[in-house]
Amino acid sequence: MRKRLLIVIVGPTGVGKTAVAIKLAQHYGTEIVSADSRQFYKEIPIGTAAPSLEEMQGVVHHFIGHLNVSEPMDAGKWAEQAEKTIESIFQSNDTVICAGGSGLYVNALLGGMDDLPERNDDLRKELEDLFEKDGIAALQDRLRILDPEYCEIVDMNNHKRLIRAIEVCELSGQKYSELRKGKSAQLPYAVVTVGLNMEREELYRRIDARVDIMIEQGLEQEARAVINYRDNNALATVGYREMFSYFDGEISRDRAIELIKQHSRNYAKRQLTWWRRDGEVNWFHPSQVNEIIARCEELRNTAVNH
């Protein structure tokens, strides 16, 4: 009996993680566990580039469109659910695919996360007042002091995420980026992390083209349909934030589209910064599916058997 193997596909937005994950799942006859926190929400498939049923090509995907935008989700809660799903898939297959660009979520699955402190009303009000008085730059400066590593991956224009990260750092006395239990050595299966990347110009062209497709598919209409939920974390993200600014009359439609492309490229850069710090990632171009499979099998055979 072969060693059980979890293949984790990571990389920047727009690089083609979904397509590679599907090819691997077809090769192994297995299922995919999504670690893309933006694709959890059923009302926003266009702006999150969630795979359609046609794109899934008959491969079972977990954690795609399973929540309403009003339902909260965090890395620790998702990791707990994902672990159970992975174990369930392992009952009938020795390989499972996990794919997504949310670094904190993948880290929570592989390394575990300590229990995060609950919000503190006094601190929350202090930070919200700081944002109202001095703007987002004040929050950015405060988080850079507390956790410069997390600043490299978090959306630095999302004041809610900055406030939560500052809260966690100040209440726990630890960096948000380091709240991990370090349990990877105890996982009952081998793990291979595959990073996908390509030349920057090629990636940025893909990102810009994908945004154009989102607009054609109806991103504006999708954003209008969920505007009543604009204060929910699910919508404090690239694509919707810019559209809401357009709806508010702050910017033009063309400027909103331009900013979605720019902010998506910025996000991709932050994702790459996050994953390049991880020495365990095996890097490939998304076209190298055969090489990825060969590397996964090589590492499966040399992994310590749990």
C-alpha atoms as a PDB file:
ATOM      1  CA  MET A   1       0.000   0.000   0.000  1.00  0.00           C
ATOM      2  CA  ARG A   2       1.390   3.399  -1.055  1.00  0.00           C
ATOM      3  CA  LYS A   3       1.988   6.175   1.443  1.00  0.00           C
ATOM      4  CA  ARG A   4      -0.861   8.643   1.647  1.00  0.00           C
ATOM      5  CA  LEU A   5       0.011  11.963   0.043  1.00  0.00           C
ATOM      6  CA  LEU A   6      -1.499  15.447   0.228  1.00  0.00           C
ATOM      7  CA  ILE A   7      -0.425  17.600  -2.715  1.00  0.00           C
ATOM      8  CA  VAL A   8      -0.828  21.316  -1.931  1.00  0.00           C
ATOM      9  CA  ILE A   9      -0.922  23.665  -4.934  1.00  0.00           C
ATOM     10  CA  VAL A  10      -0.039  27.289  -4.115  1.00  0.00           C
ATOM     11  CA  GLY A  11       0.968  30.383  -6.039  1.00  0.00           C
ATOM     12  CA  PRO A  12      -0.202  33.845  -7.072  1.00  0.00           C
ATOM     13  CA  THR A  13      -3.676  34.728  -8.264  1.00  0.00           C
ATOM     14  CA  GLY A  14      -4.171  34.127 -11.984  1.00  0.00           C
ATOM     15  CA  VAL A  15      -1.302  31.671 -12.374  1.00  0.00           C
ATOM     16  CA  GLY A  16      -3.547  28.677 -13.119  1.00  0.00           C
ATOM     17  CA  LYS A  17      -3.762  26.749  -9.837  1.00  0.00           C
ATOM     18  CA  THR A  18      -7.285  25.481 -10.556  1.00  0.00           C
ATOM     19  CA  ALA A  19      -6.365  24.026 -13.957  1.00  0.00           C
ATOM     20  CA  VAL A  20      -3.274  22.253 -12.599  1.00  0.00           C
ATOM     21  CA  ALA A  21      -5.195  20.930  -9.587  1.00  0.00           C
ATOM     22  CA  ILE A  22      -7.856  19.483 -11.878  1.00  0.00           C
ATOM     23  CA  LYS A  23      -5.243  17.768 -14.062  1.00  0.00           C
ATOM     24  CA  LEU A  24      -3.607  16.236 -10.990  1.00  0.00           C
ATOM     25  CA  ALA A  25      -6.966  15.163  -9.579  1.00  0.00           C
ATOM     26  CA  GLN A  26      -7.836  13.489 -12.885  1.00  0.00           C
ATOM     27  CA  HIS A  27      -4.468  11.733 -12.955  1.00  0.00           C
ATOM     28  CA  TYR A  28      -4.912  10.386  -9.420  1.00  0.00           C
ATOM     29  CA  GLY A  29      -8.666   9.873  -9.650  1.00  0.00           C
ATOM     30  CA  THR A  30      -9.151  11.974  -6.529  1.00  0.00           C
ATOM     31  CA  GLU A  31     -10.861  15.119  -5.199  1.00  0.00           C
ATOM     32  CA  ILE A  32      -9.838  18.740  -4.589  1.00  0.00           C
ATOM     33  CA  VAL A  33      -9.998  20.660  -1.319  1.00  0.00           C
ATOM     34  CA  SER A  34     -10.037  24.403  -2.013  1.00  0.00           C
ATOM     35  CA  ALA A  35      -7.937  26.686   0.179  1.00  0.00           C
ATOM     36  CA  ASP A  36      -9.038  29.834  -1.645  1.00  0.00           C
ATOM     37  CA  SER A  37     -10.859  31.825   1.022  1.00  0.00           C
ATOM     38  CA  ARG A  38     -12.440  34.104  -1.592  1.00  0.00           C
ATOM     39  CA  GLN A  39     -14.117  31.223  -3.419  1.00  0.00           C
ATOM     40  CA  PHE A  40     -16.029  30.032  -0.348  1.00  0.00           C
ATOM     41  CA  TYR A  41     -18.928  32.395  -1.075  1.00  0.00           C
ATOM     42  CA  LYS A  42     -21.718  31.329  -3.400  1.00  0.00           C
ATOM     43  CA  GLU A  43     -22.914  34.837  -4.352  1.00  0.00           C
ATOM     44  CA  ILE A  44     -19.597  36.011  -5.853  1.00  0.00           C
ATOM     45  CA  PRO A  45     -18.244  33.368  -8.276  1.00  0.00           C
ATOM     46  CA  ILE A  46     -17.268  35.853 -10.990  1.00  0.00           C
ATOM     47  CA  GLY A  47     -15.060  38.192  -8.974  1.00  0.00           C
ATOM     48  CA  THR A  48     -13.367  35.292  -7.186  1.00  0.00           C
ATOM     49  CA  ALA A  49     -12.795  33.276 -10.393  1.00  0.00           C
ATOM     50  CA  ALA A  50     -14.482  30.258  -8.832  1.00  0.00           C
ATOM     51  CA  PRO A  51     -14.427  27.279 -11.216  1.00  0.00           C
ATOM     52  CA  SER A  52     -17.706  26.553 -12.984  1.00  0.00           C
ATOM     53  CA  LEU A  53     -19.164  23.044 -13.156  1.00  0.00           C
ATOM     54  CA  GLU A  54     -17.840  22.838 -16.724  1.00  0.00           C
ATOM     55  CA  GLU A  55     -14.346  23.883 -15.627  1.00  0.00           C
ATOM     56  CA  MET A  56     -14.386  21.348 -12.793  1.00  0.00           C
ATOM     57  CA  GLN A  57     -14.536  18.615 -15.459  1.00  0.00           C
ATOM     58  CA  GLY A  58     -16.327  16.169 -13.198  1.00  0.00           C
ATOM     59  CA  VAL A  59     -13.756  16.472 -10.401  1.00  0.00           C
ATOM     60  CA  VAL A  60     -15.316  16.843  -6.949  1.00  0.00           C
ATOM     61  CA  HIS A  61     -14.357  20.174  -5.319  1.00  0.00           C
ATOM     62  CA  HIS A  62     -14.823  20.908  -1.625  1.00  0.00           C
ATOM     63  CA  PHE A  63     -15.217  24.409  -0.107  1.00  0.00           C
ATOM     64  CA  ILE A  64     -16.317  26.142  -3.318  1.00  0.00           C
ATOM     65  CA  GLY A  65     -19.439  28.285  -2.978  1.00  0.00           C
ATOM     66  CA  HIS A  66     -20.490  26.604   0.258  1.00  0.00           C
ATOM     67  CA  LEU A  67     -21.061  29.780   2.315  1.00  0.00           C
ATOM     68  CA  ASN A  68     -23.215  32.906   2.123  1.00  0.00           C
ATOM     69  CA  VAL A  69     -21.323  36.207   2.151  1.00  0.00           C
ATOM     70  CA  SER A  70     -22.830  36.918   5.569  1.00  0.00           C
ATOM     71  CA  GLU A  71     -21.281  33.770   7.090  1.00  0.00           C
ATOM     72  CA  PRO A  72     -17.935  34.277   8.839  1.00  0.00           C
ATOM     73  CA  MET A  73     -14.975  31.976   8.201  1.00  0.00           C
ATOM     74  CA  ASP A  74     -11.421  32.053   9.477  1.00  0.00           C
ATOM     75  CA  ALA A  75      -8.265  30.047   8.854  1.00  0.00           C
ATOM     76  CA  GLY A  76      -8.500  27.960  12.007  1.00  0.00           C
ATOM     77  CA  LYS A  77     -12.133  26.998  11.469  1.00  0.00           C
ATOM     78  CA  TRP A  78     -11.532  26.146   7.811  1.00  0.00           C
ATOM     79  CA  ALA A  79      -8.436  24.048   8.649  1.00  0.00           C
ATOM     80  CA  GLU A  80     -10.447  22.001  11.126  1.00  0.00           C
ATOM     81  CA  GLN A  81     -13.121  21.293   8.522  1.00  0.00           C
ATOM     82  CA  ALA A  82     -10.541  20.668   5.782  1.00  0.00           C
ATOM     83  CA  GLU A  83      -8.704  18.073   7.916  1.00  0.00           C
ATOM     84  CA  LYS A  84     -11.909  16.056   8.276  1.00  0.00           C
ATOM     85  CA  THR A  85     -12.608  16.303   4.548  1.00  0.00           C
ATOM     86  CA  ILE A  86      -9.082  15.177   3.662  1.00  0.00           C
ATOM     87  CA  GLU A  87      -9.323  12.181   5.987  1.00  0.00           C
ATOM     88  CA  SER A  88     -12.658  11.287   4.386  1.00  0.00           C
ATOM     89  CA  ILE A  89     -11.147  11.347   0.884  1.00  0.00           C
ATOM     90  CA  PHE A  90      -8.213   9.236   2.081  1.00  0.00           C
ATOM     91  CA  GLN A  91     -10.683   6.464   2.919  1.00  0.00           C
ATOM     92  CA  SER A  92     -10.918   5.674  -0.798  1.00  0.00           C
ATOM     93  CA  ASN A  93      -7.778   7.240  -2.308  1.00  0.00           C
ATOM     94  CA  ASP A  94      -4.122   7.509  -1.330  1.00  0.00           C
ATOM     95  CA  THR A  95      -3.756  11.020  -2.818  1.00  0.00           C
ATOM     96  CA  VAL A  96      -5.616  14.271  -2.112  1.00  0.00           C
ATOM     97  CA  ILE A  97      -5.189  17.642  -3.832  1.00  0.00           C
ATOM     98  CA  CYS A  98      -5.451  20.927  -1.945  1.00  0.00           C
ATOM     99  CA  ALA A  99      -5.286  24.151  -3.975  1.00  0.00           C
ATOM    100  CA  GLY A 100      -5.468  27.827  -3.140  1.00  0.00           C
ATOM    101  CA  GLY A 101      -3.581  31.065  -2.754  1.00  0.00           C
ATOM    102  CA  SER A 102      -4.592  31.904   0.818  1.00  0.00           C
ATOM    103  CA  GLY A 103      -1.290  31.503   2.631  1.00  0.00           C
ATOM    104  CA  LEU A 104      -2.694  31.804   6.130  1.00  0.00           C
ATOM    105  CA  TYR A 105      -5.274  29.087   5.406  1.00  0.00           C
ATOM    106  CA  VAL A 106      -2.717  26.656   3.979  1.00  0.00           C
ATOM    107  CA  ASN A 107      -0.410  27.325   6.941  1.00  0.00           C
ATOM    108  CA  ALA A 108      -3.284  26.665   9.339  1.00  0.00           C
ATOM    109  CA  LEU A 109      -3.883  23.292   7.668  1.00  0.00           C
ATOM    110  CA  LEU A 110      -0.248  22.198   7.569  1.00  0.00           C
ATOM    111  CA  GLY A 111       1.030  23.834  10.743  1.00  0.00           C
ATOM    112  CA  GLY A 112      -2.096  24.411  12.778  1.00  0.00           C
ATOM    113  CA  MET A 113      -3.011  27.667  14.444  1.00  0.00           C
ATOM    114  CA  ASP A 114      -3.166  28.586  18.080  1.00  0.00           C
ATOM    115  CA  ASP A 115      -6.542  29.761  19.295  1.00  0.00           C
ATOM    116  CA  LEU A 116      -6.824  33.387  18.248  1.00  0.00           C
ATOM    117  CA  PRO A 117      -7.951  35.870  20.899  1.00  0.00           C
ATOM    118  CA  GLU A 118     -11.526  37.127  20.756  1.00  0.00           C
ATOM    119  CA  ARG A 119     -12.044  40.749  19.791  1.00  0.00           C
ATOM    120  CA  ASN A 120     -11.617  43.295  22.552  1.00  0.00           C
ATOM    121  CA  ASP A 121     -14.242  46.043  22.327  1.00  0.00           C
ATOM    122  CA  ASP A 122     -12.022  48.750  23.812  1.00  0.00           C
ATOM    123  CA  LEU A 123      -9.102  47.958  21.523  1.00  0.00           C
ATOM    124  CA  ARG A 124     -11.405  47.610  18.518  1.00  0.00           C
ATOM    125  CA  LYS A 125     -12.904  51.071  19.182  1.00  0.00           C
ATOM    126  CA  GLU A 126      -9.422  52.546  19.619  1.00  0.00           C
ATOM    127  CA  LEU A 127      -8.318  51.146  16.257  1.00  0.00           C
ATOM    128  CA  GLU A 128     -11.507  52.155  14.462  1.00  0.00           C
ATOM    129  CA  ASP A 129     -11.145  55.679  15.868  1.00  0.00           C
ATOM    130  CA  LEU A 130      -7.528  55.715  14.686  1.00  0.00           C
ATOM    131  CA  PHE A 131      -8.680  54.747  11.187  1.00  0.00           C
ATOM    132  CA  GLU A 132     -11.380  57.446  11.152  1.00  0.00           C
ATOM    133  CA  LYS A 133      -8.982  60.131  12.419  1.00  0.00           C
ATOM    134  CA  ASP A 134      -5.697  59.345  10.671  1.00  0.00           C
ATOM    135  CA  GLY A 135      -6.701  57.050   7.811  1.00  0.00           C
ATOM    136  CA  ILE A 136      -5.472  53.644   6.738  1.00  0.00           C
ATOM    137  CA  ALA A 137      -1.802  54.702   6.765  1.00  0.00           C
ATOM    138  CA  ALA A 138      -1.915  54.831  10.568  1.00  0.00           C
ATOM    139  CA  LEU A 139      -3.101  51.210  10.720  1.00  0.00           C
ATOM    140  CA  GLN A 140      -0.492  50.157   8.169  1.00  0.00           C
ATOM    141  CA  ASP A 141       2.303  51.761  10.202  1.00  0.00           C
ATOM    142  CA  ARG A 142       1.113  50.091  13.412  1.00  0.00           C
ATOM    143  CA  LEU A 143       0.939  46.637  11.839  1.00  0.00           C
ATOM    144  CA  ARG A 144       4.368  47.028  10.225  1.00  0.00           C
ATOM    145  CA  ILE A 145       5.833  47.431  13.705  1.00  0.00           C
ATOM    146  CA  LEU A 146       3.913  44.469  15.149  1.00  0.00           C
ATOM    147  CA  ASP A 147       4.162  41.991  12.257  1.00  0.00           C
ATOM    148  CA  PRO A 148       6.132  43.051   9.151  1.00  0.00           C
ATOM    149  CA  GLU A 149       5.908  39.497   7.760  1.00  0.00           C
ATOM    150  CA  TYR A 150       2.122  39.546   7.720  1.00  0.00           C
ATOM    151  CA  CYS A 151       2.223  42.935   5.975  1.00  0.00           C
ATOM    152  CA  GLU A 152       3.795  41.171   3.008  1.00  0.00           C
ATOM    153  CA  ILE A 153       0.692  39.064   2.369  1.00  0.00           C
ATOM    154  CA  VAL A 154      -2.302  40.918   3.884  1.00  0.00           C
ATOM    155  CA  ASP A 155      -4.304  43.328   1.725  1.00  0.00           C
ATOM    156  CA  MET A 156      -2.864  46.567   3.114  1.00  0.00           C
ATOM    157  CA  ASN A 157      -5.859  48.542   1.794  1.00  0.00           C
ATOM    158  CA  ASN A 158      -8.362  46.439   3.750  1.00  0.00           C
ATOM    159  CA  HIS A 159      -8.753  48.298   7.035  1.00  0.00           C
ATOM    160  CA  LYS A 160     -10.822  45.522   8.637  1.00  0.00           C
ATOM    161  CA  ARG A 161      -8.110  42.936   8.127  1.00  0.00           C
ATOM    162  CA  LEU A 162      -5.473  45.348   9.390  1.00  0.00           C
ATOM    163  CA  ILE A 163      -7.513  46.038  12.519  1.00  0.00           C
ATOM    164  CA  ARG A 164      -8.028  42.314  13.191  1.00  0.00           C
ATOM    165  CA  ALA A 165      -4.324  41.546  12.692  1.00  0.00           C
ATOM    166  CA  ILE A 166      -3.317  44.367  15.050  1.00  0.00           C
ATOM    167  CA  GLU A 167      -5.832  43.080  17.603  1.00  0.00           C
ATOM    168  CA  VAL A 168      -4.440  39.569  17.454  1.00  0.00           C
ATOM    169  CA  CYS A 169      -0.846  40.787  17.790  1.00  0.00           C
ATOM    170  CA  GLU A 170      -1.559  43.103  20.713  1.00  0.00           C
ATOM    171  CA  LEU A 171      -3.880  40.749  22.604  1.00  0.00           C
ATOM    172  CA  SER A 172      -1.739  37.625  22.154  1.00  0.00           C
ATOM    173  CA  GLY A 173       1.680  39.206  22.341  1.00  0.00           C
ATOM    174  CA  GLN A 174       2.623  37.209  19.224  1.00  0.00           C
ATOM    175  CA  LYS A 175       2.848  37.904  15.527  1.00  0.00           C
ATOM    176  CA  TYR A 176      -0.282  36.939  13.593  1.00  0.00           C
ATOM    177  CA  SER A 177       1.960  35.328  10.982  1.00  0.00           C
ATOM    178  CA  GLU A 178       3.533  33.061  13.628  1.00  0.00           C
ATOM    179  CA  LEU A 179       0.426  31.803  15.436  1.00  0.00           C
ATOM    180  CA  ARG A 180       1.102  28.249  14.365  1.00  0.00           C
ATOM    181  CA  LYS A 181       1.282  25.103  16.445  1.00  0.00           C
ATOM    182  CA  GLY A 182       3.961  23.517  14.281  1.00  0.00           C
ATOM    183  CA  LYS A 183       2.120  20.212  14.004  1.00  0.00           C
ATOM    184  CA  SER A 184       3.191  19.356  10.433  1.00  0.00           C
ATOM    185  CA  ALA A 185       5.526  16.626  11.665  1.00  0.00           C
ATOM    186  CA  GLN A 186       2.544  14.881  13.210  1.00  0.00           C
ATOM    187  CA  LEU A 187       0.323  14.886  10.117  1.00  0.00           C
ATOM    188  CA  PRO A 188      -0.668  11.280   9.353  1.00  0.00           C
ATOM    189  CA  TYR A 189       0.305  11.589   5.685  1.00  0.00           C
ATOM    190  CA  ALA A 190       3.093  12.965   3.528  1.00  0.00           C
ATOM    191  CA  VAL A 191       2.769  16.503   2.165  1.00  0.00           C
ATOM    192  CA  VAL A 192       4.238  17.956  -1.022  1.00  0.00           C
ATOM    193  CA  THR A 193       3.783  21.686  -1.581  1.00  0.00           C
ATOM    194  CA  VAL A 194       3.885  22.663  -5.260  1.00  0.00           C
ATOM    195  CA  GLY A 195       4.309  26.339  -6.091  1.00  0.00           C
ATOM    196  CA  LEU A 196       3.240  27.616  -9.506  1.00  0.00           C
ATOM    197  CA  ASN A 197       4.887  30.644 -11.071  1.00  0.00           C
ATOM    198  CA  MET A 198       5.834  32.162 -14.430  1.00  0.00           C
ATOM    199  CA  GLU A 199       7.609  35.222 -15.764  1.00  0.00           C
ATOM    200  CA  ARG A 200       6.160  38.376 -14.238  1.00  0.00           C
ATOM    201  CA  GLU A 201       5.106  39.843 -17.598  1.00  0.00           C
ATOM    202  CA  GLU A 202       3.268  36.646 -18.519  1.00  0.00           C
ATOM    203  CA  LEU A 203       1.529  36.507 -15.129  1.00  0.00           C
ATOM    204  CA  TYR A 204       0.470  40.154 -15.265  1.00  0.00           C
ATOM    205  CA  ARG A 205      -0.926  39.692 -18.790  1.00  0.00           C
ATOM    206  CA  ARG A 206      -2.961  36.736 -17.532  1.00  0.00           C
ATOM    207  CA  ILE A 207      -4.256  38.739 -14.566  1.00  0.00           C
ATOM    208  CA  ASP A 208      -5.295  41.678 -16.764  1.00  0.00           C
ATOM    209  CA  ALA A 209      -7.001  39.349 -19.254  1.00  0.00           C
ATOM    210  CA  ARG A 210      -8.823  37.565 -16.441  1.00  0.00           C
ATOM    211  CA  VAL A 211     -10.187  40.851 -15.109  1.00  0.00           C
ATOM    212  CA  ASP A 212     -11.453  41.703 -18.613  1.00  0.00           C
ATOM    213  CA  ILE A 213     -13.236  38.338 -18.712  1.00  0.00           C
ATOM    214  CA  MET A 214     -14.775  38.996 -15.270  1.00  0.00           C
ATOM    215  CA  ILE A 215     -16.151  42.298 -16.543  1.00  0.00           C
ATOM    216  CA  GLU A 216     -17.607  40.556 -19.610  1.00  0.00           C
ATOM    217  CA  GLN A 217     -19.158  37.877 -17.410  1.00  0.00           C
ATOM    218  CA  GLY A 218     -20.932  40.463 -15.260  1.00  0.00           C
ATOM    219  CA  LEU A 219     -18.709  41.452 -12.335  1.00  0.00           C
ATOM    220  CA  GLU A 220     -20.441  44.837 -12.106  1.00  0.00           C
ATOM    221  CA  GLN A 221     -23.888  43.233 -11.839  1.00  0.00           C
ATOM    222  CA  GLU A 222     -22.573  40.697  -9.306  1.00  0.00           C
ATOM    223  CA  ALA A 223     -21.163  43.502  -7.153  1.00  0.00           C
ATOM    224  CA  ARG A 224     -24.440  45.447  -7.328  1.00  0.00           C
ATOM    225  CA  ALA A 225     -26.343  42.356  -6.180  1.00  0.00           C
ATOM    226  CA  VAL A 226     -24.295  42.088  -2.965  1.00  0.00           C
ATOM    227  CA  ILE A 227     -23.785  45.775  -2.177  1.00  0.00           C
ATOM    228  CA  ASN A 228     -26.001  45.496   0.916  1.00  0.00           C
ATOM    229  CA  TYR A 229     -23.330  43.171   2.366  1.00  0.00           C
ATOM    230  CA  ARG A 230     -20.420  45.484   1.548  1.00  0.00           C
ATOM    231  CA  ASP A 231     -19.346  45.673   5.197  1.00  0.00           C
ATOM    232  CA  ASN A 232     -18.846  41.900   5.428  1.00  0.00           C
ATOM    233  CA  ASN A 233     -15.281  40.597   5.286  1.00  0.00           C
ATOM    234  CA  ALA A 234     -16.132  38.446   2.264  1.00  0.00           C
ATOM    235  CA  LEU A 235     -16.535  41.605   0.168  1.00  0.00           C
ATOM    236  CA  ALA A 236     -13.647  43.659   1.557  1.00  0.00           C
ATOM    237  CA  THR A 237     -11.501  42.349  -1.250  1.00  0.00           C
ATOM    238  CA  VAL A 238     -10.145  43.146  -4.695  1.00  0.00           C
ATOM    239  CA  GLY A 239     -12.867  43.509  -7.313  1.00  0.00           C
ATOM    240  CA  TYR A 240     -15.724  44.449  -5.045  1.00  0.00           C
ATOM    241  CA  ARG A 241     -14.061  47.276  -3.145  1.00  0.00           C
ATOM    242  CA  GLU A 242     -13.242  49.063  -6.417  1.00  0.00           C
ATOM    243  CA  MET A 243     -16.728  48.482  -7.822  1.00  0.00           C
ATOM    244  CA  PHE A 244     -18.305  49.893  -4.658  1.00  0.00           C
ATOM    245  CA  SER A 245     -16.158  53.027  -5.053  1.00  0.00           C
ATOM    246  CA  TYR A 246     -17.489  53.333  -8.618  1.00  0.00           C
ATOM    247  CA  PHE A 247     -21.085  52.907  -7.426  1.00  0.00           C
ATOM    248  CA  ASP A 248     -20.473  55.610  -4.795  1.00  0.00           C
ATOM    249  CA  GLY A 249     -19.384  58.018  -7.521  1.00  0.00           C
ATOM    250  CA  GLU A 250     -15.831  58.246  -6.201  1.00  0.00           C
ATOM    251  CA  ILE A 251     -14.197  56.913  -9.392  1.00  0.00           C
ATOM    252  CA  SER A 252     -15.251  56.138 -12.966  1.00  0.00           C
ATOM    253  CA  ARG A 253     -16.072  52.656 -14.224  1.00  0.00           C
ATOM    254  CA  ASP A 254     -12.901  52.587 -16.336  1.00  0.00           C
ATOM    255  CA  ARG A 255     -10.827  53.645 -13.325  1.00  0.00           C
ATOM    256  CA  ALA A 256     -12.434  50.909 -11.221  1.00  0.00           C
ATOM    257  CA  ILE A 257     -11.442  48.283 -13.788  1.00  0.00           C
ATOM    258  CA  GLU A 258      -7.927  49.720 -13.993  1.00  0.00           C
ATOM    259  CA  LEU A 259      -7.623  49.559 -10.193  1.00  0.00           C
ATOM    260  CA  ILE A 260      -8.912  45.973 -10.044  1.00  0.00           C
ATOM    261  CA  LYS A 261      -6.113  44.972 -12.411  1.00  0.00           C
ATOM    262  CA  GLN A 262      -3.503  46.943 -10.467  1.00  0.00           C
ATOM    263  CA  HIS A 263      -4.601  45.636  -7.074  1.00  0.00           C
ATOM    264  CA  SER A 264      -4.769  42.069  -8.399  1.00  0.00           C
ATOM    265  CA  ARG A 265      -1.171  42.371  -9.606  1.00  0.00           C
ATOM    266  CA  ASN A 266      -0.171  43.778  -6.204  1.00  0.00           C
ATOM    267  CA  TYR A 267      -1.895  40.849  -4.491  1.00  0.00           C
ATOM    268  CA  ALA A 268      -0.063  38.359  -6.712  1.00  0.00           C
ATOM    269  CA  LYS A 269       3.245  39.966  -5.758  1.00  0.00           C
ATOM    270  CA  ARG A 270       2.414  39.657  -2.042  1.00  0.00           C
ATOM    271  CA  GLN A 271       1.408  36.012  -2.469  1.00  0.00           C
ATOM    272  CA  LEU A 272       4.736  35.218  -4.153  1.00  0.00           C
ATOM    273  CA  THR A 273       6.628  36.997  -1.379  1.00  0.00           C
ATOM    274  CA  TRP A 274       4.805  34.836   1.180  1.00  0.00           C
ATOM    275  CA  TRP A 275       5.498  31.512  -0.538  1.00  0.00           C
ATOM    276  CA  ARG A 276       9.084  32.252  -1.520  1.00  0.00           C
ATOM    277  CA  ARG A 277       9.939  32.384   2.172  1.00  0.00           C
ATOM    278  CA  ASP A 278       8.911  28.733   2.501  1.00  0.00           C
ATOM    279  CA  GLY A 279      11.856  26.496   1.673  1.00  0.00           C
ATOM    280  CA  GLU A 280       9.577  23.460   1.348  1.00  0.00           C
ATOM    281  CA  VAL A 281       7.862  24.699  -1.820  1.00  0.00           C
ATOM    282  CA  ASN A 282       8.728  22.908  -5.089  1.00  0.00           C
ATOM    283  CA  TRP A 283       8.412  25.478  -7.882  1.00  0.00           C
ATOM    284  CA  PHE A 284       7.120  24.756 -11.391  1.00  0.00           C
ATOM    285  CA  HIS A 285       5.590  26.511 -14.387  1.00  0.00           C
ATOM    286  CA  PRO A 286       1.902  25.519 -14.620  1.00  0.00           C
ATOM    287  CA  SER A 287       2.614  23.791 -17.947  1.00  0.00           C
ATOM    288  CA  GLN A 288       4.927  21.265 -16.228  1.00  0.00           C
ATOM    289  CA  VAL A 289       2.203  18.879 -15.038  1.00  0.00           C
ATOM    290  CA  ASN A 290       4.189  15.728 -15.854  1.00  0.00           C
ATOM    291  CA  GLU A 291       7.204  17.082 -13.964  1.00  0.00           C
ATOM    292  CA  ILE A 292       4.978  17.942 -10.998  1.00  0.00           C
ATOM    293  CA  ILE A 293       3.618  14.381 -10.892  1.00  0.00           C
ATOM    294  CA  ALA A 294       7.120  12.936 -11.087  1.00  0.00           C
ATOM    295  CA  ARG A 295       8.319  15.131  -8.227  1.00  0.00           C
ATOM    296  CA  CYS A 296       5.299  14.257  -6.090  1.00  0.00           C
ATOM    297  CA  GLU A 297       5.919  10.539  -6.566  1.00  0.00           C
ATOM    298  CA  GLU A 298       9.619  10.969  -5.789  1.00  0.00           C
ATOM    299  CA  LEU A 299       8.801  12.735  -2.523  1.00  0.00           C
ATOM    300  CA  ARG A 300       6.025  10.265  -1.691  1.00  0.00           C
ATOM    301  CA  ASN A 301       8.531   7.425  -1.876  1.00  0.00           C
ATOM    302  CA  THR A 302      11.107   9.179   0.289  1.00  0.00           C
ATOM    303  CA  ALA A 303       8.688  10.578   2.887  1.00  0.00           C
ATOM    304  CA  VAL A 304       8.637   9.234   6.402  1.00  0.00           C
ATOM    305  CA  ASN A 305       5.754   6.814   6.676  1.00  0.00           C
ATOM    306  CA  HIS A 306       3.195   7.838   9.293  1.00  0.00           C
END
